[in-house]
PDB file of N, CA and C in Angstrom:
ATOM      1  N   UNK A   1      11.860  -2.940 -21.604  1.00  0.00           N
ATOM      2  CA  UNK A   1      12.045  -1.867 -20.648  1.00  0.00           C
ATOM      3  C   UNK A   1      12.557  -0.643 -21.392  1.00  0.00           C
ATOM      4  N   UNK A   2      11.913   0.488 -21.136  1.00  0.00           N
ATOM      5  CA  UNK A   2      12.265   1.737 -21.798  1.00  0.00           C
ATOM      6  C   UNK A   2      12.871   2.718 -20.805  1.00  0.00           C
ATOM      7  N   UNK A   3      14.003   3.345 -21.157  1.00  0.00           N
ATOM      8  CA  UNK A   3      14.529   4.404 -20.289  1.00  0.00           C
ATOM      9  C   UNK A   3      13.517   5.543 -20.223  1.00  0.00           C
ATOM     10  N   UNK A   4      13.376   6.131 -19.043  1.00  0.00           N
ATOM     11  CA  UNK A   4      12.424   7.229 -18.856  1.00  0.00           C
ATOM     12  C   UNK A   4      13.003   8.252 -17.911  1.00  0.00           C
ATOM     13  N   UNK A   5      12.544   9.463 -18.066  1.00  0.00           N
ATOM     14  CA  UNK A   5      12.829  10.541 -17.120  1.00  0.00           C
ATOM     15  C   UNK A   5      11.489  10.955 -16.535  1.00  0.00           C
ATOM     16  N   UNK A   6      11.477  11.185 -15.228  1.00  0.00           N
ATOM     17  CA  UNK A   6      10.260  11.588 -14.547  1.00  0.00           C
ATOM     18  C   UNK A   6      10.465  12.938 -13.874  1.00  0.00           C
ATOM     19  N   UNK A   7       9.542  13.841 -14.076  1.00  0.00           N
ATOM     20  CA  UNK A   7       9.483  15.061 -13.275  1.00  0.00           C
ATOM     21  C   UNK A   7       8.838  14.684 -11.943  1.00  0.00           C
ATOM     22  N   UNK A   8       9.071  15.484 -10.923  1.00  0.00           N
ATOM     23  CA  UNK A   8       8.499  15.200  -9.612  1.00  0.00           C
ATOM     24  C   UNK A   8       6.977  15.068  -9.697  1.00  0.00           C
ATOM     25  N   UNK A   9       6.333  15.938 -10.455  1.00  0.00           N
ATOM     26  CA  UNK A   9       4.870  15.871 -10.598  1.00  0.00           C
ATOM     27  C   UNK A   9       4.431  14.550 -11.222  1.00  0.00           C
ATOM     28  N   UNK A  10       5.212  14.004 -12.141  1.00  0.00           N
ATOM     29  CA  UNK A  10       4.874  12.713 -12.752  1.00  0.00           C
ATOM     30  C   UNK A  10       4.996  11.580 -11.734  1.00  0.00           C
ATOM     31  N   UNK A  11       6.010  11.651 -10.880  1.00  0.00           N
ATOM     32  CA  UNK A  11       6.149  10.642  -9.827  1.00  0.00           C
ATOM     33  C   UNK A  11       4.983  10.739  -8.852  1.00  0.00           C
ATOM     34  N   UNK A  12       4.608  11.953  -8.504  1.00  0.00           N
ATOM     35  CA  UNK A  12       3.496  12.143  -7.586  1.00  0.00           C
ATOM     36  C   UNK A  12       2.197  11.624  -8.198  1.00  0.00           C
ATOM     37  N   UNK A  13       2.051  11.740  -9.515  1.00  0.00           N
ATOM     38  CA  UNK A  13       0.854  11.250 -10.199  1.00  0.00           C
ATOM     39  C   UNK A  13       0.768   9.724 -10.201  1.00  0.00           C
ATOM     40  N   UNK A  14       1.872   9.041  -9.969  1.00  0.00           N
ATOM     41  CA  UNK A  14       1.852   7.568  -9.894  1.00  0.00           C
ATOM     42  C   UNK A  14       1.135   7.093  -8.627  1.00  0.00           C
ATOM     43  N   UNK A  15       0.940   7.996  -7.694  1.00  0.00           N
ATOM     44  CA  UNK A  15       0.250   7.656  -6.453  1.00  0.00           C
ATOM     45  C   UNK A  15       1.201   7.709  -5.273  1.00  0.00           C
ATOM     46  N   UNK A  16       0.833   8.496  -4.293  1.00  0.00           N
ATOM     47  CA  UNK A  16       1.649   8.624  -3.091  1.00  0.00           C
ATOM     48  C   UNK A  16       1.343   7.489  -2.127  1.00  0.00           C
ATOM     49  N   UNK A  17       2.364   7.047  -1.473  1.00  0.00           N
ATOM     50  CA  UNK A  17       2.252   5.993  -0.471  1.00  0.00           C
ATOM     51  C   UNK A  17       2.933   6.506   0.794  1.00  0.00           C
ATOM     52  N   UNK A  18       2.382   6.150   1.945  1.00  0.00           N
ATOM     53  CA  UNK A  18       2.986   6.536   3.214  1.00  0.00           C
ATOM     54  C   UNK A  18       3.435   5.287   3.958  1.00  0.00           C
ATOM     55  N   UNK A  19       4.592   5.398   4.595  1.00  0.00           N
ATOM     56  CA  UNK A  19       5.115   4.291   5.380  1.00  0.00           C
ATOM     57  C   UNK A  19       5.886   4.848   6.570  1.00  0.00           C
ATOM     58  N   UNK A  20       5.994   4.045   7.580  1.00  0.00           N
ATOM     59  CA  UNK A  20       6.833   4.382   8.723  1.00  0.00           C
ATOM     60  C   UNK A  20       8.059   3.479   8.643  1.00  0.00           C
ATOM     61  N   UNK A  21       9.233   4.070   8.756  1.00  0.00           N
ATOM     62  CA  UNK A  21      10.464   3.283   8.650  1.00  0.00           C
ATOM     63  C   UNK A  21      11.529   3.909   9.545  1.00  0.00           C
ATOM     64  N   UNK A  22      12.469   3.081   9.966  1.00  0.00           N
ATOM     65  CA  UNK A  22      13.564   3.523  10.823  1.00  0.00           C
ATOM     66  C   UNK A  22      14.779   3.844   9.960  1.00  0.00           C
ATOM     67  N   UNK A  23      15.218   5.090  10.042  1.00  0.00           N
ATOM     68  CA  UNK A  23      16.473   5.500   9.414  1.00  0.00           C
ATOM     69  C   UNK A  23      17.562   5.255  10.441  1.00  0.00           C
ATOM     70  N   UNK A  24      18.391   4.250  10.190  1.00  0.00           N
ATOM     71  CA  UNK A  24      19.453   3.823  11.102  1.00  0.00           C
ATOM     72  C   UNK A  24      20.779   4.338  10.551  1.00  0.00           C
ATOM     73  N   UNK A  25      21.219   5.472  11.082  1.00  0.00           N
ATOM     74  CA  UNK A  25      22.423   6.125  10.584  1.00  0.00           C
ATOM     75  C   UNK A  25      23.677   5.424  11.104  1.00  0.00           C
ATOM     76  N   UNK A  26      24.662   5.324  10.247  1.00  0.00           N
ATOM     77  CA  UNK A  26      25.920   4.686  10.642  1.00  0.00           C
ATOM     78  C   UNK A  26      26.716   5.527  11.636  1.00  0.00           C
ATOM     79  N   UNK A  27      26.308   6.798  11.840  1.00  0.00           N
ATOM     80  CA  UNK A  27      27.009   7.625  12.825  1.00  0.00           C
ATOM     81  C   UNK A  27      26.484   7.401  14.241  1.00  0.00           C
ATOM     82  N   UNK A  28      25.547   6.472  14.411  1.00  0.00           N
ATOM     83  CA  UNK A  28      25.159   6.060  15.750  1.00  0.00           C
ATOM     84  C   UNK A  28      23.788   6.490  16.233  1.00  0.00           C
ATOM     85  N   UNK A  29      22.927   6.982  15.379  1.00  0.00           N
ATOM     86  CA  UNK A  29      21.579   7.331  15.813  1.00  0.00           C
ATOM     87  C   UNK A  29      20.564   6.655  14.903  1.00  0.00           C
ATOM     88  N   UNK A  30      19.342   6.551  15.374  1.00  0.00           N
ATOM     89  CA  UNK A  30      18.251   5.975  14.591  1.00  0.00           C
ATOM     90  C   UNK A  30      16.988   6.763  14.886  1.00  0.00           C
ATOM     91  N   UNK A  31      16.116   6.876  13.875  1.00  0.00           N
ATOM     92  CA  UNK A  31      14.882   7.628  14.009  1.00  0.00           C
ATOM     93  C   UNK A  31      13.786   6.941  13.217  1.00  0.00           C
ATOM     94  N   UNK A  32      12.679   6.619  13.902  1.00  0.00           N
ATOM     95  CA  UNK A  32      11.519   6.088  13.199  1.00  0.00           C
ATOM     96  C   UNK A  32      10.573   7.243  12.911  1.00  0.00           C
ATOM     97  N   UNK A  33      10.187   7.390  11.666  1.00  0.00           N
ATOM     98  CA  UNK A  33       9.301   8.481  11.268  1.00  0.00           C
ATOM     99  C   UNK A  33       8.514   8.094  10.033  1.00  0.00           C
ATOM    100  N   UNK A  34       7.576   8.936   9.673  1.00  0.00           N
ATOM    101  CA  UNK A  34       6.760   8.692   8.490  1.00  0.00           C
ATOM    102  C   UNK A  34       7.383   9.290   7.247  1.00  0.00           C
ATOM    103  N   UNK A  35       7.227   8.576   6.145  1.00  0.00           N
ATOM    104  CA  UNK A  35       7.768   8.984   4.851  1.00  0.00           C
ATOM    105  C   UNK A  35       6.642   8.899   3.833  1.00  0.00           C
ATOM    106  N   UNK A  36       6.625   9.813   2.873  1.00  0.00           N
ATOM    107  CA  UNK A  36       5.607   9.804   1.820  1.00  0.00           C
ATOM    108  C   UNK A  36       6.313   9.974   0.484  1.00  0.00           C
ATOM    109  N   UNK A  37       5.907   9.150  -0.473  1.00  0.00           N
ATOM    110  CA  UNK A  37       6.508   9.238  -1.791  1.00  0.00           C
ATOM    111  C   UNK A  37       5.936   8.195  -2.725  1.00  0.00           C
ATOM    112  N   UNK A  38       6.615   7.997  -3.817  1.00  0.00           N
ATOM    113  CA  UNK A  38       6.191   7.034  -4.831  1.00  0.00           C
ATOM    114  C   UNK A  38       6.827   5.683  -4.556  1.00  0.00           C
ATOM    115  N   UNK A  39       6.027   4.630  -4.562  1.00  0.00           N
ATOM    116  CA  UNK A  39       6.624   3.299  -4.423  1.00  0.00           C
ATOM    117  C   UNK A  39       7.555   3.023  -5.605  1.00  0.00           C
ATOM    118  N   UNK A  40       8.728   2.525  -5.321  1.00  0.00           N
ATOM    119  CA  UNK A  40       9.660   2.198  -6.402  1.00  0.00           C
ATOM    120  C   UNK A  40       9.055   1.143  -7.322  1.00  0.00           C
ATOM    121  N   UNK A  41       8.203   0.281  -6.784  1.00  0.00           N
ATOM    122  CA  UNK A  41       7.535  -0.728  -7.622  1.00  0.00           C
ATOM    123  C   UNK A  41       6.688  -0.068  -8.711  1.00  0.00           C
ATOM    124  N   UNK A  42       6.008   1.041  -8.394  1.00  0.00           N
ATOM    125  CA  UNK A  42       5.182   1.736  -9.384  1.00  0.00           C
ATOM    126  C   UNK A  42       6.048   2.327 -10.500  1.00  0.00           C
ATOM    127  N   UNK A  43       7.218   2.808 -10.132  1.00  0.00           N
ATOM    128  CA  UNK A  43       8.125   3.392 -11.119  1.00  0.00           C
ATOM    129  C   UNK A  43       8.679   2.299 -12.029  1.00  0.00           C
ATOM    130  N   UNK A  44       9.077   1.176 -11.428  1.00  0.00           N
ATOM    131  CA  UNK A  44       9.585   0.059 -12.226  1.00  0.00           C
ATOM    132  C   UNK A  44       8.504  -0.449 -13.182  1.00  0.00           C
ATOM    133  N   UNK A  45       7.276  -0.536 -12.690  1.00  0.00           N
ATOM    134  CA  UNK A  45       6.169  -0.984 -13.543  1.00  0.00           C
ATOM    135  C   UNK A  45       5.912   0.004 -14.673  1.00  0.00           C
ATOM    136  N   UNK A  46       5.964   1.307 -14.390  1.00  0.00           N
ATOM    137  CA  UNK A  46       5.744   2.332 -15.411  1.00  0.00           C
ATOM    138  C   UNK A  46       6.803   2.284 -16.507  1.00  0.00           C
ATOM    139  N   UNK A  47       7.977   1.755 -16.159  1.00  0.00           N
ATOM    140  CA  UNK A  47       9.074   1.628 -17.131  1.00  0.00           C
ATOM    141  C   UNK A  47       9.056   0.284 -17.849  1.00  0.00           C
ATOM    142  N   UNK A  48       8.112  -0.570 -17.488  1.00  0.00           N
ATOM    143  CA  UNK A  48       8.003  -1.867 -18.151  1.00  0.00           C
ATOM    144  C   UNK A  48       9.069  -2.857 -17.740  1.00  0.00           C
ATOM    145  N   UNK A  49       9.539  -2.790 -16.504  1.00  0.00           N
ATOM    146  CA  UNK A  49      10.563  -3.721 -16.029  1.00  0.00           C
ATOM    147  C   UNK A  49       9.955  -5.121 -15.960  1.00  0.00           C
ATOM    148  N   UNK A  50      10.586  -6.036 -16.637  1.00  0.00           N
ATOM    149  CA  UNK A  50      10.112  -7.424 -16.681  1.00  0.00           C
ATOM    150  C   UNK A  50      10.708  -8.212 -15.519  1.00  0.00           C
ATOM    151  N   UNK A  51      10.220  -9.428 -15.294  1.00  0.00           N
ATOM    152  CA  UNK A  51      10.751 -10.232 -14.187  1.00  0.00           C
ATOM    153  C   UNK A  51      12.229 -10.608 -14.324  1.00  0.00           C
ATOM    154  N   UNK A  52      12.819 -10.460 -15.483  1.00  0.00           N
ATOM    155  CA  UNK A  52      14.184 -10.908 -15.708  1.00  0.00           C
ATOM    156  C   UNK A  52      15.284 -10.200 -14.945  1.00  0.00           C
ATOM    157  N   UNK A  53      15.240  -8.854 -14.839  1.00  0.00           N
ATOM    158  CA  UNK A  53      16.344  -8.159 -14.157  1.00  0.00           C
ATOM    159  C   UNK A  53      16.491  -8.604 -12.708  1.00  0.00           C
ATOM    160  N   UNK A  54      17.705  -8.517 -12.213  1.00  0.00           N
ATOM    161  CA  UNK A  54      17.984  -9.010 -10.866  1.00  0.00           C
ATOM    162  C   UNK A  54      18.299  -7.929  -9.848  1.00  0.00           C
ATOM    163  N   UNK A  55      18.779  -6.765 -10.308  1.00  0.00           N
ATOM    164  CA  UNK A  55      19.208  -5.731  -9.362  1.00  0.00           C
ATOM    165  C   UNK A  55      18.742  -4.348  -9.798  1.00  0.00           C
ATOM    166  N   UNK A  56      18.599  -3.479  -8.805  1.00  0.00           N
ATOM    167  CA  UNK A  56      18.279  -2.082  -9.046  1.00  0.00           C
ATOM    168  C   UNK A  56      19.391  -1.251  -8.396  1.00  0.00           C
ATOM    169  N   UNK A  57      19.969  -0.364  -9.179  1.00  0.00           N
ATOM    170  CA  UNK A  57      21.021   0.523  -8.690  1.00  0.00           C
ATOM    171  C   UNK A  57      20.420   1.923  -8.595  1.00  0.00           C
ATOM    172  N   UNK A  58      20.504   2.515  -7.409  1.00  0.00           N
ATOM    173  CA  UNK A  58      20.012   3.873  -7.185  1.00  0.00           C
ATOM    174  C   UNK A  58      21.226   4.750  -6.934  1.00  0.00           C
ATOM    175  N   UNK A  59      21.385   5.801  -7.766  1.00  0.00           N
ATOM    176  CA  UNK A  59      22.578   6.653  -7.707  1.00  0.00           C
ATOM    177  C   UNK A  59      22.186   8.100  -7.383  1.00  0.00           C
ATOM    178  N   UNK A  60      23.004   8.725  -6.561  1.00  0.00           N
ATOM    179  CA  UNK A  60      22.841  10.118  -6.157  1.00  0.00           C
ATOM    180  C   UNK A  60      23.560  11.047  -7.130  1.00  0.00           C
ATOM    181  N   UNK A  61      23.205  12.332  -7.084  1.00  0.00           N
ATOM    182  CA  UNK A  61      23.949  13.325  -7.861  1.00  0.00           C
ATOM    183  C   UNK A  61      25.400  13.403  -7.400  1.00  0.00           C
ATOM    184  N   UNK A  62      25.682  12.944  -6.174  1.00  0.00           N
ATOM    185  CA  UNK A  62      27.048  12.965  -5.645  1.00  0.00           C
ATOM    186  C   UNK A  62      27.884  11.785  -6.131  1.00  0.00           C
ATOM    187  N   UNK A  63      27.228  10.799  -6.766  1.00  0.00           N
ATOM    188  CA  UNK A  63      27.919   9.587  -7.196  1.00  0.00           C
ATOM    189  C   UNK A  63      27.720   8.416  -6.247  1.00  0.00           C
ATOM    190  N   UNK A  64      27.236   8.679  -5.026  1.00  0.00           N
ATOM    191  CA  UNK A  64      26.951   7.606  -4.065  1.00  0.00           C
ATOM    192  C   UNK A  64      25.841   6.743  -4.625  1.00  0.00           C
ATOM    193  N   UNK A  65      25.901   5.438  -4.370  1.00  0.00           N
ATOM    194  CA  UNK A  65      24.846   4.555  -4.875  1.00  0.00           C
ATOM    195  C   UNK A  65      24.662   3.362  -3.952  1.00  0.00           C
ATOM    196  N   UNK A  66      23.567   2.689  -4.166  1.00  0.00           N
ATOM    197  CA  UNK A  66      23.301   1.424  -3.508  1.00  0.00           C
ATOM    198  C   UNK A  66      22.733   0.479  -4.541  1.00  0.00           C
ATOM    199  N   UNK A  67      22.963  -0.804  -4.349  1.00  0.00           N
ATOM    200  CA  UNK A  67      22.435  -1.835  -5.232  1.00  0.00           C
ATOM    201  C   UNK A  67      21.561  -2.757  -4.404  1.00  0.00           C
ATOM    202  N   UNK A  68      20.338  -2.972  -4.885  1.00  0.00           N
ATOM    203  CA  UNK A  68      19.362  -3.788  -4.169  1.00  0.00           C
ATOM    204  C   UNK A  68      18.843  -4.904  -5.062  1.00  0.00           C
ATOM    205  N   UNK A  69      18.592  -6.090  -4.487  1.00  0.00           N
ATOM    206  CA  UNK A  69      17.885  -7.117  -5.265  1.00  0.00           C
ATOM    207  C   UNK A  69      16.529  -6.547  -5.690  1.00  0.00           C
ATOM    208  N   UNK A  70      16.054  -6.909  -6.856  1.00  0.00           N
ATOM    209  CA  UNK A  70      14.848  -6.276  -7.397  1.00  0.00           C
ATOM    210  C   UNK A  70      13.637  -6.448  -6.483  1.00  0.00           C
ATOM    211  N   UNK A  71      13.480  -7.581  -5.847  1.00  0.00           N
ATOM    212  CA  UNK A  71      12.321  -7.766  -4.970  1.00  0.00           C
ATOM    213  C   UNK A  71      12.401  -6.854  -3.752  1.00  0.00           C
ATOM    214  N   UNK A  72      13.594  -6.642  -3.232  1.00  0.00           N
ATOM    215  CA  UNK A  72      13.759  -5.710  -2.121  1.00  0.00           C
ATOM    216  C   UNK A  72      13.513  -4.271  -2.588  1.00  0.00           C
ATOM    217  N   UNK A  73      13.998  -3.943  -3.775  1.00  0.00           N
ATOM    218  CA  UNK A  73      13.805  -2.605  -4.327  1.00  0.00           C
ATOM    219  C   UNK A  73      12.319  -2.294  -4.478  1.00  0.00           C
ATOM    220  N   UNK A  74      11.535  -3.289  -4.817  1.00  0.00           N
ATOM    221  CA  UNK A  74      10.092  -3.080  -4.990  1.00  0.00           C
ATOM    222  C   UNK A  74       9.409  -2.683  -3.686  1.00  0.00           C
ATOM    223  N   UNK A  75      10.038  -2.921  -2.544  1.00  0.00           N
ATOM    224  CA  UNK A  75       9.447  -2.527  -1.262  1.00  0.00           C
ATOM    225  C   UNK A  75       9.926  -1.138  -0.812  1.00  0.00           C
ATOM    226  N   UNK A  76      10.734  -0.478  -1.629  1.00  0.00           N
ATOM    227  CA  UNK A  76      11.279   0.841  -1.283  1.00  0.00           C
ATOM    228  C   UNK A  76      10.360   1.960  -1.756  1.00  0.00           C
ATOM    229  N   UNK A  77      10.698   3.141  -1.310  1.00  0.00           N
ATOM    230  CA  UNK A  77       9.918   4.336  -1.603  1.00  0.00           C
ATOM    231  C   UNK A  77      10.868   5.436  -2.048  1.00  0.00           C
ATOM    232  N   UNK A  78      10.448   6.249  -3.005  1.00  0.00           N
ATOM    233  CA  UNK A  78      11.177   7.471  -3.339  1.00  0.00           C
ATOM    234  C   UNK A  78      10.432   8.597  -2.645  1.00  0.00           C
ATOM    235  N   UNK A  79      10.965   9.062  -1.525  1.00  0.00           N
ATOM    236  CA  UNK A  79      10.253   9.987  -0.654  1.00  0.00           C
ATOM    237  C   UNK A  79      10.494  11.439  -1.021  1.00  0.00           C
ATOM    238  N   UNK A  80       9.400  12.217  -0.974  1.00  0.00           N
ATOM    239  CA  UNK A  80       9.470  13.667  -1.128  1.00  0.00           C
ATOM    240  C   UNK A  80       8.967  14.378   0.124  1.00  0.00           C
ATOM    241  N   UNK A  81       8.481  13.585   1.107  1.00  0.00           N
ATOM    242  CA  UNK A  81       8.055  14.143   2.391  1.00  0.00           C
ATOM    243  C   UNK A  81       8.590  13.283   3.529  1.00  0.00           C
ATOM    244  N   UNK A  82       8.843  13.923   4.667  1.00  0.00           N
ATOM    245  CA  UNK A  82       9.225  13.235   5.893  1.00  0.00           C
ATOM    246  C   UNK A  82       8.464  13.884   7.044  1.00  0.00           C
ATOM    247  N   UNK A  83       7.869  13.065   7.885  1.00  0.00           N
ATOM    248  CA  UNK A  83       7.122  13.547   9.057  1.00  0.00           C
ATOM    249  C   UNK A  83       6.067  14.584   8.677  1.00  0.00           C
ATOM    250  N   UNK A  84       5.424  14.386   7.527  1.00  0.00           N
ATOM    251  CA  UNK A  84       4.346  15.270   7.097  1.00  0.00           C
ATOM    252  C   UNK A  84       4.793  16.598   6.516  1.00  0.00           C
ATOM    253  N   UNK A  85       6.092  16.766   6.303  1.00  0.00           N
ATOM    254  CA  UNK A  85       6.650  18.014   5.762  1.00  0.00           C
ATOM    255  C   UNK A  85       7.452  17.718   4.495  1.00  0.00           C
ATOM    256  N   UNK A  86       7.566  18.700   3.594  1.00  0.00           N
ATOM    257  CA  UNK A  86       8.417  18.493   2.424  1.00  0.00           C
ATOM    258  C   UNK A  86       9.828  18.091   2.859  1.00  0.00           C
ATOM    259  N   UNK A  87      10.417  17.173   2.139  1.00  0.00           N
ATOM    260  CA  UNK A  87      11.766  16.709   2.446  1.00  0.00           C
ATOM    261  C   UNK A  87      12.749  17.867   2.286  1.00  0.00           C
ATOM    262  N   UNK A  88      13.516  18.193   3.334  1.00  0.00           N
ATOM    263  CA  UNK A  88      14.504  19.270   3.220  1.00  0.00           C
ATOM    264  C   UNK A  88      15.659  18.866   2.293  1.00  0.00           C
ATOM    265  N   UNK A  89      16.271  19.861   1.679  1.00  0.00           N
ATOM    266  CA  UNK A  89      17.419  19.606   0.798  1.00  0.00           C
ATOM    267  C   UNK A  89      18.512  18.855   1.555  1.00  0.00           C
ATOM    268  N   UNK A  90      18.768  19.227   2.787  1.00  0.00           N
ATOM    269  CA  UNK A  90      19.817  18.560   3.569  1.00  0.00           C
ATOM    270  C   UNK A  90      19.509  17.089   3.820  1.00  0.00           C
ATOM    271  N   UNK A  91      18.249  16.710   3.703  1.00  0.00           N
ATOM    272  CA  UNK A  91      17.849  15.314   3.901  1.00  0.00           C
ATOM    273  C   UNK A  91      17.607  14.594   2.587  1.00  0.00           C
ATOM    274  N   UNK A  92      17.948  15.230   1.459  1.00  0.00           N
ATOM    275  CA  UNK A  92      17.900  14.524   0.191  1.00  0.00           C
ATOM    276  C   UNK A  92      16.938  15.034  -0.847  1.00  0.00           C
ATOM    277  N   UNK A  93      16.226  16.144  -0.579  1.00  0.00           N
ATOM    278  CA  UNK A  93      15.251  16.655  -1.557  1.00  0.00           C
ATOM    279  C   UNK A  93      15.927  16.929  -2.895  1.00  0.00           C
ATOM    280  N   UNK A  94      15.230  16.668  -3.974  1.00  0.00           N
ATOM    281  CA  UNK A  94      13.791  16.443  -4.010  1.00  0.00           C
ATOM    282  C   UNK A  94      13.349  15.010  -3.703  1.00  0.00           C
ATOM    283  N   UNK A  95      14.241  14.035  -3.847  1.00  0.00           N
ATOM    284  CA  UNK A  95      13.874  12.636  -3.603  1.00  0.00           C
ATOM    285  C   UNK A  95      14.959  11.899  -2.847  1.00  0.00           C
ATOM    286  N   UNK A  96      14.504  11.078  -1.910  1.00  0.00           N
ATOM    287  CA  UNK A  96      15.410  10.236  -1.147  1.00  0.00           C
ATOM    288  C   UNK A  96      14.858   8.817  -1.161  1.00  0.00           C
ATOM    289  N   UNK A  97      15.736   7.847  -1.271  1.00  0.00           N
ATOM    290  CA  UNK A  97      15.330   6.451  -1.199  1.00  0.00           C
ATOM    291  C   UNK A  97      15.050   6.079   0.248  1.00  0.00           C
ATOM    292  N   UNK A  98      13.907   5.480   0.500  1.00  0.00           N
ATOM    293  CA  UNK A  98      13.578   4.914   1.802  1.00  0.00           C
ATOM    294  C   UNK A  98      13.651   3.405   1.607  1.00  0.00           C
ATOM    295  N   UNK A  99      14.636   2.802   2.244  1.00  0.00           N
ATOM    296  CA  UNK A  99      14.907   1.365   2.080  1.00  0.00           C
ATOM    297  C   UNK A  99      14.739   0.666   3.422  1.00  0.00           C
ATOM    298  N   UNK A 100      13.494   0.267   3.741  1.00  0.00           N
ATOM    299  CA  UNK A 100      13.247  -0.390   5.031  1.00  0.00           C
ATOM    300  C   UNK A 100      14.193  -1.568   5.248  1.00  0.00           C
ATOM    301  N   UNK A 101      14.602  -1.748   6.482  1.00  0.00           N
ATOM    302  CA  UNK A 101      15.486  -2.850   6.876  1.00  0.00           C
ATOM    303  C   UNK A 101      16.910  -2.712   6.348  1.00  0.00           C
ATOM    304  N   UNK A 102      17.265  -1.540   5.823  1.00  0.00           N
ATOM    305  CA  UNK A 102      18.640  -1.255   5.386  1.00  0.00           C
ATOM    306  C   UNK A 102      19.213  -0.144   6.255  1.00  0.00           C
ATOM    307  N   UNK A 103      20.525  -0.138   6.428  1.00  0.00           N
ATOM    308  CA  UNK A 103      21.199   0.940   7.156  1.00  0.00           C
ATOM    309  C   UNK A 103      21.079   2.238   6.364  1.00  0.00           C
ATOM    310  N   UNK A 104      21.266   3.340   7.041  1.00  0.00           N
ATOM    311  CA  UNK A 104      21.103   4.649   6.445  1.00  0.00           C
ATOM    312  C   UNK A 104      21.973   4.907   5.226  1.00  0.00           C
ATOM    313  N   UNK A 105      23.140   4.304   5.139  1.00  0.00           N
ATOM    314  CA  UNK A 105      24.006   4.542   3.988  1.00  0.00           C
ATOM    315  C   UNK A 105      23.397   4.050   2.693  1.00  0.00           C
ATOM    316  N   UNK A 106      22.397   3.176   2.772  1.00  0.00           N
ATOM    317  CA  UNK A 106      21.695   2.712   1.572  1.00  0.00           C
ATOM    318  C   UNK A 106      20.499   3.600   1.220  1.00  0.00           C
ATOM    319  N   UNK A 107      20.158   4.532   2.085  1.00  0.00           N
ATOM    320  CA  UNK A 107      19.044   5.442   1.842  1.00  0.00           C
ATOM    321  C   UNK A 107      19.562   6.617   1.013  1.00  0.00           C
ATOM    322  N   UNK A 108      19.780   6.401  -0.241  1.00  0.00           N
ATOM    323  CA  UNK A 108      20.429   7.367  -1.133  1.00  0.00           C
ATOM    324  C   UNK A 108      19.663   8.690  -1.159  1.00  0.00           C
ATOM    325  N   UNK A 109      20.407   9.781  -0.967  1.00  0.00           N
ATOM    326  CA  UNK A 109      19.847  11.139  -1.041  1.00  0.00           C
ATOM    327  C   UNK A 109      20.053  11.700  -2.447  1.00  0.00           C
ATOM    328  N   UNK A 110      19.252  12.703  -2.784  1.00  0.00           N
ATOM    329  CA  UNK A 110      19.396  13.457  -4.035  1.00  0.00           C
ATOM    330  C   UNK A 110      19.476  12.530  -5.251  1.00  0.00           C
ATOM    331  N   UNK A 111      18.484  11.680  -5.388  1.00  0.00           N
ATOM    332  CA  UNK A 111      18.485  10.659  -6.445  1.00  0.00           C
ATOM    333  C   UNK A 111      18.569  11.292  -7.826  1.00  0.00           C
ATOM    334  N   UNK A 112      19.498  10.786  -8.616  1.00  0.00           N
ATOM    335  CA  UNK A 112      19.692  11.255  -9.988  1.00  0.00           C
ATOM    336  C   UNK A 112      19.361  10.183 -11.009  1.00  0.00           C
ATOM    337  N   UNK A 113      19.550   8.904 -10.628  1.00  0.00           N
ATOM    338  CA  UNK A 113      19.388   7.829 -11.618  1.00  0.00           C
ATOM    339  C   UNK A 113      19.007   6.535 -10.918  1.00  0.00           C
ATOM    340  N   UNK A 114      18.145   5.790 -11.580  1.00  0.00           N
ATOM    341  CA  UNK A 114      17.809   4.429 -11.152  1.00  0.00           C
ATOM    342  C   UNK A 114      18.035   3.541 -12.357  1.00  0.00           C
ATOM    343  N   UNK A 115      18.854   2.528 -12.174  1.00  0.00           N
ATOM    344  CA  UNK A 115      19.199   1.626 -13.273  1.00  0.00           C
ATOM    345  C   UNK A 115      18.851   0.196 -12.870  1.00  0.00           C
ATOM    346  N   UNK A 116      18.270  -0.539 -13.807  1.00  0.00           N
ATOM    347  CA  UNK A 116      17.924  -1.942 -13.578  1.00  0.00           C
ATOM    348  C   UNK A 116      18.858  -2.809 -14.408  1.00  0.00           C
ATOM    349  N   UNK A 117      19.483  -3.793 -13.753  1.00  0.00           N
ATOM    350  CA  UNK A 117      20.406  -4.680 -14.480  1.00  0.00           C
ATOM    351  C   UNK A 117      19.962  -6.128 -14.370  1.00  0.00           C
TER     352      UNK A 117
END
């Protein structure tokens, strides 16, 4: 596995995927909407992640992070669009983690780093 840095255009070149997922905020609201971005599985594959690692840590520029089992992480998306529109900065642009079946606090905004352990 090789450390890599990706520009947004490089992530977009990996292939965009669209999914519908419910963002379940811990402040008491939920919203199902469409998200478009790069599958985290494509990014892990591009970095040569082998079957051995067990967890993926996604960290924000703010220091907030979430840790996911690698198989669950492979079902996530790094979104740059929401509801057919560019992701607003207030919602995590340029990239936000879309983690289906996870509460909103795991949907890391403003992604700065992804680490595999």
